[in-house]
Amino acid sequence: MIAESEFLSSCCIISESHLQKAFKALDIGKNNYIAKSDLQAAFSTQGRYKSAMPDVIWQQFVGEVDSDGSGRINYEQFKQVME
């Protein structure tokens, strides 16, 4: 018998290929990093997110993922958060 938590976790596995595609989609500057401005640009194309959320919120989001203090998110940091 498989536990519900095991079933759900196996259904939610994201492939490396999908992670790479998602990272590239958010890397608006195409410099192998996701910066606050990349997130703002990516989400502003989907509506009014940029104007609705102050810069400090975007910066906090990057800061929570940015484990090396560079002010931007590299692929390994993105992958760790997404997994």
PDB file of N, CA and C in Angstrom:
ATOM      1  N   MET A   1       0.849  -1.177   0.000  1.00  0.00           N
ATOM      2  CA  MET A   1       0.000   0.000   0.000  1.00  0.00           C
ATOM      3  C   MET A   1       0.890   1.233   0.000  1.00  0.00           C
ATOM      4  N   ILE A   2       0.548   2.186  -0.828  1.00  0.00           N
ATOM      5  CA  ILE A   2       1.319   3.428  -0.914  1.00  0.00           C
ATOM      6  C   ILE A   2       0.604   4.525  -0.111  1.00  0.00           C
ATOM      7  N   ALA A   3       1.389   5.275   0.636  1.00  0.00           N
ATOM      8  CA  ALA A   3       0.833   6.358   1.448  1.00  0.00           C
ATOM      9  C   ALA A   3       0.453   7.531   0.560  1.00  0.00           C
ATOM     10  N   GLU A   4      -0.535   8.274   1.000  1.00  0.00           N
ATOM     11  CA  GLU A   4      -0.987   9.436   0.230  1.00  0.00           C
ATOM     12  C   GLU A   4       0.154  10.420  -0.008  1.00  0.00           C
ATOM     13  N   SER A   5       0.968  10.671   1.008  1.00  0.00           N
ATOM     14  CA  SER A   5       2.067  11.624   0.866  1.00  0.00           C
ATOM     15  C   SER A   5       3.090  11.148  -0.171  1.00  0.00           C
ATOM     16  N   GLU A   6       3.347   9.836  -0.203  1.00  0.00           N
ATOM     17  CA  GLU A   6       4.264   9.295  -1.210  1.00  0.00           C
ATOM     18  C   GLU A   6       3.692   9.453  -2.610  1.00  0.00           C
ATOM     19  N   PHE A   7       2.416   9.189  -2.755  1.00  0.00           N
ATOM     20  CA  PHE A   7       1.758   9.341  -4.044  1.00  0.00           C
ATOM     21  C   PHE A   7       1.828  10.783  -4.530  1.00  0.00           C
ATOM     22  N   LEU A   8       1.489  11.723  -3.649  1.00  0.00           N
ATOM     23  CA  LEU A   8       1.491  13.130  -4.024  1.00  0.00           C
ATOM     24  C   LEU A   8       2.885  13.627  -4.366  1.00  0.00           C
ATOM     25  N   SER A   9       3.875  13.207  -3.605  1.00  0.00           N
ATOM     26  CA  SER A   9       5.234  13.668  -3.895  1.00  0.00           C
ATOM     27  C   SER A   9       5.745  13.097  -5.212  1.00  0.00           C
ATOM     28  N   SER A  10       5.350  11.881  -5.550  1.00  0.00           N
ATOM     29  CA  SER A  10       5.792  11.307  -6.820  1.00  0.00           C
ATOM     30  C   SER A  10       5.093  11.968  -8.003  1.00  0.00           C
ATOM     31  N   CYS A  11       3.913  12.471  -7.801  1.00  0.00           N
ATOM     32  CA  CYS A  11       3.181  13.159  -8.871  1.00  0.00           C
ATOM     33  C   CYS A  11       3.718  14.566  -9.113  1.00  0.00           C
ATOM     34  N   CYS A  12       4.373  15.101  -8.143  1.00  0.00           N
ATOM     35  CA  CYS A  12       4.812  16.494  -8.215  1.00  0.00           C
ATOM     36  C   CYS A  12       6.277  16.650  -8.596  1.00  0.00           C
ATOM     37  N   ILE A  13       6.912  15.602  -9.050  1.00  0.00           N
ATOM     38  CA  ILE A  13       8.312  15.682  -9.450  1.00  0.00           C
ATOM     39  C   ILE A  13       8.417  16.478 -10.741  1.00  0.00           C
ATOM     40  N   ILE A  14       9.288  17.478 -10.723  1.00  0.00           N
ATOM     41  CA  ILE A  14       9.493  18.325 -11.885  1.00  0.00           C
ATOM     42  C   ILE A  14      10.780  17.876 -12.557  1.00  0.00           C
ATOM     43  N   SER A  15      10.705  17.645 -13.848  1.00  0.00           N
ATOM     44  CA  SER A  15      11.880  17.178 -14.573  1.00  0.00           C
ATOM     45  C   SER A  15      12.911  18.293 -14.713  1.00  0.00           C
ATOM     46  N   GLU A  16      14.149  17.888 -14.890  1.00  0.00           N
ATOM     47  CA  GLU A  16      15.243  18.845 -15.107  1.00  0.00           C
ATOM     48  C   GLU A  16      14.950  19.712 -16.329  1.00  0.00           C
ATOM     49  N   SER A  17      14.411  19.118 -17.347  1.00  0.00           N
ATOM     50  CA  SER A  17      14.085  19.839 -18.576  1.00  0.00           C
ATOM     51  C   SER A  17      13.056  20.938 -18.312  1.00  0.00           C
ATOM     52  N   HIS A  18      12.037  20.621 -17.524  1.00  0.00           N
ATOM     53  CA  HIS A  18      11.016  21.621 -17.198  1.00  0.00           C
ATOM     54  C   HIS A  18      11.589  22.737 -16.321  1.00  0.00           C
ATOM     55  N   LEU A  19      12.464  22.377 -15.402  1.00  0.00           N
ATOM     56  CA  LEU A  19      13.103  23.398 -14.566  1.00  0.00           C
ATOM     57  C   LEU A  19      13.938  24.349 -15.414  1.00  0.00           C
ATOM     58  N   GLN A  20      14.697  23.784 -16.350  1.00  0.00           N
ATOM     59  CA  GLN A  20      15.526  24.615 -17.219  1.00  0.00           C
ATOM     60  C   GLN A  20      14.680  25.546 -18.073  1.00  0.00           C
ATOM     61  N   LYS A  21      13.583  25.038 -18.604  1.00  0.00           N
ATOM     62  CA  LYS A  21      12.691  25.875 -19.410  1.00  0.00           C
ATOM     63  C   LYS A  21      12.085  27.001 -18.575  1.00  0.00           C
ATOM     64  N   ALA A  22      11.673  26.686 -17.367  1.00  0.00           N
ATOM     65  CA  ALA A  22      11.089  27.701 -16.493  1.00  0.00           C
ATOM     66  C   ALA A  22      12.123  28.766 -16.140  1.00  0.00           C
ATOM     67  N   PHE A  23      13.341  28.331 -15.834  1.00  0.00           N
ATOM     68  CA  PHE A  23      14.400  29.279 -15.500  1.00  0.00           C
ATOM     69  C   PHE A  23      14.683  30.194 -16.686  1.00  0.00           C
ATOM     70  N   LYS A  24      14.808  29.613 -17.871  1.00  0.00           N
ATOM     71  CA  LYS A  24      15.080  30.412 -19.068  1.00  0.00           C
ATOM     72  C   LYS A  24      13.961  31.399 -19.354  1.00  0.00           C
ATOM     73  N   ALA A  25      12.728  31.000 -19.085  1.00  0.00           N
ATOM     74  CA  ALA A  25      11.592  31.891 -19.312  1.00  0.00           C
ATOM     75  C   ALA A  25      11.639  33.099 -18.371  1.00  0.00           C
ATOM     76  N   LEU A  26      12.127  32.896 -17.156  1.00  0.00           N
ATOM     77  CA  LEU A  26      12.217  33.985 -16.184  1.00  0.00           C
ATOM     78  C   LEU A  26      13.497  34.802 -16.321  1.00  0.00           C
ATOM     79  N   ASP A  27      14.493  34.255 -16.994  1.00  0.00           N
ATOM     80  CA  ASP A  27      15.768  34.951 -17.214  1.00  0.00           C
ATOM     81  C   ASP A  27      15.617  35.895 -18.405  1.00  0.00           C
ATOM     82  N   ILE A  28      14.878  36.970 -18.205  1.00  0.00           N
ATOM     83  CA  ILE A  28      14.559  37.915 -19.276  1.00  0.00           C
ATOM     84  C   ILE A  28      15.833  38.525 -19.862  1.00  0.00           C
ATOM     85  N   GLY A  29      16.824  38.799 -19.025  1.00  0.00           N
ATOM     86  CA  GLY A  29      18.076  39.398 -19.480  1.00  0.00           C
ATOM     87  C   GLY A  29      19.000  38.418 -20.190  1.00  0.00           C
ATOM     88  N   LYS A  30      18.653  37.147 -20.169  1.00  0.00           N
ATOM     89  CA  LYS A  30      19.443  36.075 -20.803  1.00  0.00           C
ATOM     90  C   LYS A  30      20.910  36.103 -20.360  1.00  0.00           C
ATOM     91  N   ASN A  31      21.093  36.276 -19.025  1.00  0.00           N
ATOM     92  CA  ASN A  31      22.440  36.311 -18.464  1.00  0.00           C
ATOM     93  C   ASN A  31      22.668  35.208 -17.434  1.00  0.00           C
ATOM     94  N   ASN A  32      21.819  34.192 -17.465  1.00  0.00           N
ATOM     95  CA  ASN A  32      21.909  33.031 -16.566  1.00  0.00           C
ATOM     96  C   ASN A  32      21.633  33.364 -15.104  1.00  0.00           C
ATOM     97  N   TYR A  33      20.911  34.445 -14.872  1.00  0.00           N
ATOM     98  CA  TYR A  33      20.471  34.828 -13.540  1.00  0.00           C
ATOM     99  C   TYR A  33      19.062  35.384 -13.635  1.00  0.00           C
ATOM    100  N   ILE A  34      18.325  35.260 -12.556  1.00  0.00           N
ATOM    101  CA  ILE A  34      17.018  35.905 -12.460  1.00  0.00           C
ATOM    102  C   ILE A  34      17.157  37.028 -11.439  1.00  0.00           C
ATOM    103  N   ALA A  35      16.965  38.233 -11.901  1.00  0.00           N
ATOM    104  CA  ALA A  35      17.037  39.411 -11.034  1.00  0.00           C
ATOM    105  C   ALA A  35      15.626  39.913 -10.752  1.00  0.00           C
ATOM    106  N   LYS A  36      15.534  40.847  -9.835  1.00  0.00           N
ATOM    107  CA  LYS A  36      14.252  41.460  -9.509  1.00  0.00           C
ATOM    108  C   LYS A  36      13.598  42.021 -10.769  1.00  0.00           C
ATOM    109  N   SER A  37      14.378  42.668 -11.602  1.00  0.00           N
ATOM    110  CA  SER A  37      13.831  43.259 -12.828  1.00  0.00           C
ATOM    111  C   SER A  37      13.321  42.190 -13.796  1.00  0.00           C
ATOM    112  N   ASP A  38      13.967  41.010 -13.813  1.00  0.00           N
ATOM    113  CA  ASP A  38      13.492  39.904 -14.652  1.00  0.00           C
ATOM    114  C   ASP A  38      12.112  39.445 -14.193  1.00  0.00           C
ATOM    115  N   LEU A  39      11.954  39.290 -12.892  1.00  0.00           N
ATOM    116  CA  LEU A  39      10.660  38.858 -12.354  1.00  0.00           C
ATOM    117  C   LEU A  39       9.582  39.892 -12.658  1.00  0.00           C
ATOM    118  N   GLN A  40       9.923  41.160 -12.465  1.00  0.00           N
ATOM    119  CA  GLN A  40       8.955  42.213 -12.743  1.00  0.00           C
ATOM    120  C   GLN A  40       8.549  42.194 -14.217  1.00  0.00           C
ATOM    121  N   ALA A  41       9.523  42.045 -15.098  1.00  0.00           N
ATOM    122  CA  ALA A  41       9.222  42.024 -16.536  1.00  0.00           C
ATOM    123  C   ALA A  41       8.403  40.791 -16.904  1.00  0.00           C
ATOM    124  N   ALA A  42       8.775  39.642 -16.358  1.00  0.00           N
ATOM    125  CA  ALA A  42       8.062  38.400 -16.679  1.00  0.00           C
ATOM    126  C   ALA A  42       6.614  38.467 -16.225  1.00  0.00           C
ATOM    127  N   PHE A  43       6.376  38.970 -15.052  1.00  0.00           N
ATOM    128  CA  PHE A  43       5.014  39.011 -14.527  1.00  0.00           C
ATOM    129  C   PHE A  43       4.218  40.210 -15.022  1.00  0.00           C
ATOM    130  N   SER A  44       4.881  41.267 -15.437  1.00  0.00           N
ATOM    131  CA  SER A  44       4.133  42.412 -15.950  1.00  0.00           C
ATOM    132  C   SER A  44       3.525  42.102 -17.305  1.00  0.00           C
ATOM    133  N   THR A  45       4.071  41.133 -18.035  1.00  0.00           N
ATOM    134  CA  THR A  45       3.486  40.755 -19.315  1.00  0.00           C
ATOM    135  C   THR A  45       2.191  39.978 -19.107  1.00  0.00           C
ATOM    136  N   GLN A  46       1.951  39.526 -17.887  1.00  0.00           N
ATOM    137  CA  GLN A  46       0.751  38.763 -17.576  1.00  0.00           C
ATOM    138  C   GLN A  46      -0.327  39.618 -16.923  1.00  0.00           C
ATOM    139  N   GLY A  47      -0.086  40.873 -16.810  1.00  0.00           N
ATOM    140  CA  GLY A  47      -1.074  41.736 -16.168  1.00  0.00           C
ATOM    141  C   GLY A  47      -0.418  42.927 -15.514  1.00  0.00           C
ATOM    142  N   ARG A  48      -0.957  43.345 -14.389  1.00  0.00           N
ATOM    143  CA  ARG A  48      -0.460  44.546 -13.713  1.00  0.00           C
ATOM    144  C   ARG A  48       0.336  44.209 -12.461  1.00  0.00           C
ATOM    145  N   TYR A  49       1.032  43.084 -12.437  1.00  0.00           N
ATOM    146  CA  TYR A  49       1.750  42.679 -11.233  1.00  0.00           C
ATOM    147  C   TYR A  49       2.836  43.667 -10.838  1.00  0.00           C
ATOM    148  N   LYS A  50       3.560  44.189 -11.805  1.00  0.00           N
ATOM    149  CA  LYS A  50       4.654  45.098 -11.482  1.00  0.00           C
ATOM    150  C   LYS A  50       4.151  46.323 -10.731  1.00  0.00           C
ATOM    151  N   SER A  51       3.082  46.917 -11.214  1.00  0.00           N
ATOM    152  CA  SER A  51       2.578  48.113 -10.567  1.00  0.00           C
ATOM    153  C   SER A  51       1.835  47.786  -9.271  1.00  0.00           C
ATOM    154  N   ALA A  52       1.318  46.585  -9.169  1.00  0.00           N
ATOM    155  CA  ALA A  52       0.556  46.210  -7.984  1.00  0.00           C
ATOM    156  C   ALA A  52       1.455  45.827  -6.811  1.00  0.00           C
ATOM    157  N   MET A  53       2.678  45.419  -7.112  1.00  0.00           N
ATOM    158  CA  MET A  53       3.588  44.985  -6.046  1.00  0.00           C
ATOM    159  C   MET A  53       4.775  45.940  -5.965  1.00  0.00           C
ATOM    160  N   PRO A  54       5.023  46.504  -4.799  1.00  0.00           N
ATOM    161  CA  PRO A  54       6.154  47.418  -4.654  1.00  0.00           C
ATOM    162  C   PRO A  54       7.494  46.695  -4.846  1.00  0.00           C
ATOM    163  N   ASP A  55       8.502  47.460  -5.225  1.00  0.00           N
ATOM    164  CA  ASP A  55       9.849  46.908  -5.429  1.00  0.00           C
ATOM    165  C   ASP A  55      10.328  46.085  -4.240  1.00  0.00           C
ATOM    166  N   VAL A  56       9.995  46.528  -3.049  1.00  0.00           N
ATOM    167  CA  VAL A  56      10.483  45.844  -1.854  1.00  0.00           C
ATOM    168  C   VAL A  56       9.985  44.394  -1.792  1.00  0.00           C
ATOM    169  N   ILE A  57       8.806  44.138  -2.277  1.00  0.00           N
ATOM    170  CA  ILE A  57       8.276  42.770  -2.288  1.00  0.00           C
ATOM    171  C   ILE A  57       9.076  41.910  -3.252  1.00  0.00           C
ATOM    172  N   TRP A  58       9.333  42.438  -4.457  1.00  0.00           N
ATOM    173  CA  TRP A  58      10.130  41.693  -5.434  1.00  0.00           C
ATOM    174  C   TRP A  58      11.529  41.421  -4.882  1.00  0.00           C
ATOM    175  N   GLN A  59      12.121  42.442  -4.239  1.00  0.00           N
ATOM    176  CA  GLN A  59      13.470  42.288  -3.684  1.00  0.00           C
ATOM    177  C   GLN A  59      13.475  41.265  -2.553  1.00  0.00           C
ATOM    178  N   GLN A  60      12.450  41.241  -1.734  1.00  0.00           N
ATOM    179  CA  GLN A  60      12.366  40.250  -0.663  1.00  0.00           C
ATOM    180  C   GLN A  60      12.270  38.843  -1.233  1.00  0.00           C
ATOM    181  N   PHE A  61      11.502  38.693  -2.300  1.00  0.00           N
ATOM    182  CA  PHE A  61      11.380  37.382  -2.931  1.00  0.00           C
ATOM    183  C   PHE A  61      12.741  36.902  -3.422  1.00  0.00           C
ATOM    184  N   VAL A  62      13.457  37.758  -4.124  1.00  0.00           N
ATOM    185  CA  VAL A  62      14.795  37.391  -4.611  1.00  0.00           C
ATOM    186  C   VAL A  62      15.693  37.085  -3.423  1.00  0.00           C
ATOM    187  N   GLY A  63      15.639  37.920  -2.387  1.00  0.00           N
ATOM    188  CA  GLY A  63      16.488  37.738  -1.216  1.00  0.00           C
ATOM    189  C   GLY A  63      16.264  36.425  -0.494  1.00  0.00           C
ATOM    190  N   GLU A  64      15.034  35.935  -0.494  1.00  0.00           N
ATOM    191  CA  GLU A  64      14.737  34.666   0.164  1.00  0.00           C
ATOM    192  C   GLU A  64      15.314  33.477  -0.581  1.00  0.00           C
ATOM    193  N   VAL A  65      15.482  33.604  -1.883  1.00  0.00           N
ATOM    194  CA  VAL A  65      16.002  32.514  -2.706  1.00  0.00           C
ATOM    195  C   VAL A  65      17.511  32.644  -2.896  1.00  0.00           C
ATOM    196  N   ASP A  66      18.007  33.859  -2.875  1.00  0.00           N
ATOM    197  CA  ASP A  66      19.412  34.183  -3.126  1.00  0.00           C
ATOM    198  C   ASP A  66      20.280  33.812  -1.927  1.00  0.00           C
ATOM    199  N   SER A  67      20.787  32.595  -1.930  1.00  0.00           N
ATOM    200  CA  SER A  67      21.546  32.095  -0.770  1.00  0.00           C
ATOM    201  C   SER A  67      22.976  32.624  -0.705  1.00  0.00           C
ATOM    202  N   ASP A  68      23.507  33.194  -1.798  1.00  0.00           N
ATOM    203  CA  ASP A  68      24.894  33.687  -1.769  1.00  0.00           C
ATOM    204  C   ASP A  68      24.981  35.211  -1.665  1.00  0.00           C
ATOM    205  N   GLY A  69      23.837  35.886  -1.545  1.00  0.00           N
ATOM    206  CA  GLY A  69      23.830  37.327  -1.355  1.00  0.00           C
ATOM    207  C   GLY A  69      24.212  38.149  -2.577  1.00  0.00           C
ATOM    208  N   SER A  70      24.101  37.571  -3.767  1.00  0.00           N
ATOM    209  CA  SER A  70      24.490  38.276  -4.992  1.00  0.00           C
ATOM    210  C   SER A  70      23.417  39.247  -5.485  1.00  0.00           C
ATOM    211  N   GLY A  71      22.207  39.133  -4.945  1.00  0.00           N
ATOM    212  CA  GLY A  71      21.120  39.988  -5.391  1.00  0.00           C
ATOM    213  C   GLY A  71      20.383  39.450  -6.598  1.00  0.00           C
ATOM    214  N   ARG A  72      20.688  38.227  -6.955  1.00  0.00           N
ATOM    215  CA  ARG A  72      20.033  37.579  -8.086  1.00  0.00           C
ATOM    216  C   ARG A  72      19.991  36.078  -7.849  1.00  0.00           C
ATOM    217  N   ILE A  73      19.190  35.387  -8.629  1.00  0.00           N
ATOM    218  CA  ILE A  73      18.980  33.953  -8.444  1.00  0.00           C
ATOM    219  C   ILE A  73      19.654  33.197  -9.584  1.00  0.00           C
ATOM    220  N   ASN A  74      20.571  32.291  -9.236  1.00  0.00           N
ATOM    221  CA  ASN A  74      21.178  31.467 -10.274  1.00  0.00           C
ATOM    222  C   ASN A  74      20.367  30.178 -10.431  1.00  0.00           C
ATOM    223  N   TYR A  75      20.739  29.383 -11.411  1.00  0.00           N
ATOM    224  CA  TYR A  75      19.947  28.187 -11.703  1.00  0.00           C
ATOM    225  C   TYR A  75      19.910  27.220 -10.521  1.00  0.00           C
ATOM    226  N   GLU A  76      21.033  27.004  -9.852  1.00  0.00           N
ATOM    227  CA  GLU A  76      21.058  26.062  -8.726  1.00  0.00           C
ATOM    228  C   GLU A  76      20.147  26.510  -7.597  1.00  0.00           C
ATOM    229  N   GLN A  77      20.122  27.806  -7.313  1.00  0.00           N
ATOM    230  CA  GLN A  77      19.234  28.331  -6.281  1.00  0.00           C
ATOM    231  C   GLN A  77      17.773  28.158  -6.704  1.00  0.00           C
ATOM    232  N   PHE A  78      17.482  28.445  -7.950  1.00  0.00           N
ATOM    233  CA  PHE A  78      16.132  28.273  -8.495  1.00  0.00           C
ATOM    234  C   PHE A  78      15.705  26.818  -8.381  1.00  0.00           C
ATOM    235  N   LYS A  79      16.584  25.934  -8.790  1.00  0.00           N
ATOM    236  CA  LYS A  79      16.300  24.484  -8.760  1.00  0.00           C
ATOM    237  C   LYS A  79      16.037  24.018  -7.339  1.00  0.00           C
ATOM    238  N   GLN A  80      16.843  24.473  -6.396  1.00  0.00           N
ATOM    239  CA  GLN A  80      16.680  24.059  -4.999  1.00  0.00           C
ATOM    240  C   GLN A  80      15.318  24.489  -4.462  1.00  0.00           C
ATOM    241  N   VAL A  81      14.903  25.685  -4.778  1.00  0.00           N
ATOM    242  CA  VAL A  81      13.616  26.186  -4.296  1.00  0.00           C
ATOM    243  C   VAL A  81      12.473  25.449  -4.972  1.00  0.00           C
ATOM    244  N   MET A  82      12.610  25.172  -6.250  1.00  0.00           N
ATOM    245  CA  MET A  82      11.526  24.514  -6.988  1.00  0.00           C
ATOM    246  C   MET A  82      11.371  23.050  -6.627  1.00  0.00           C
ATOM    247  N   GLU A  83      12.439  22.425  -6.194  1.00  0.00           N
ATOM    248  CA  GLU A  83      12.354  21.004  -5.803  1.00  0.00           C
ATOM    249  C   GLU A  83      11.855  20.912  -4.395  1.00  0.00           C
TER     250      GLU A  83
END
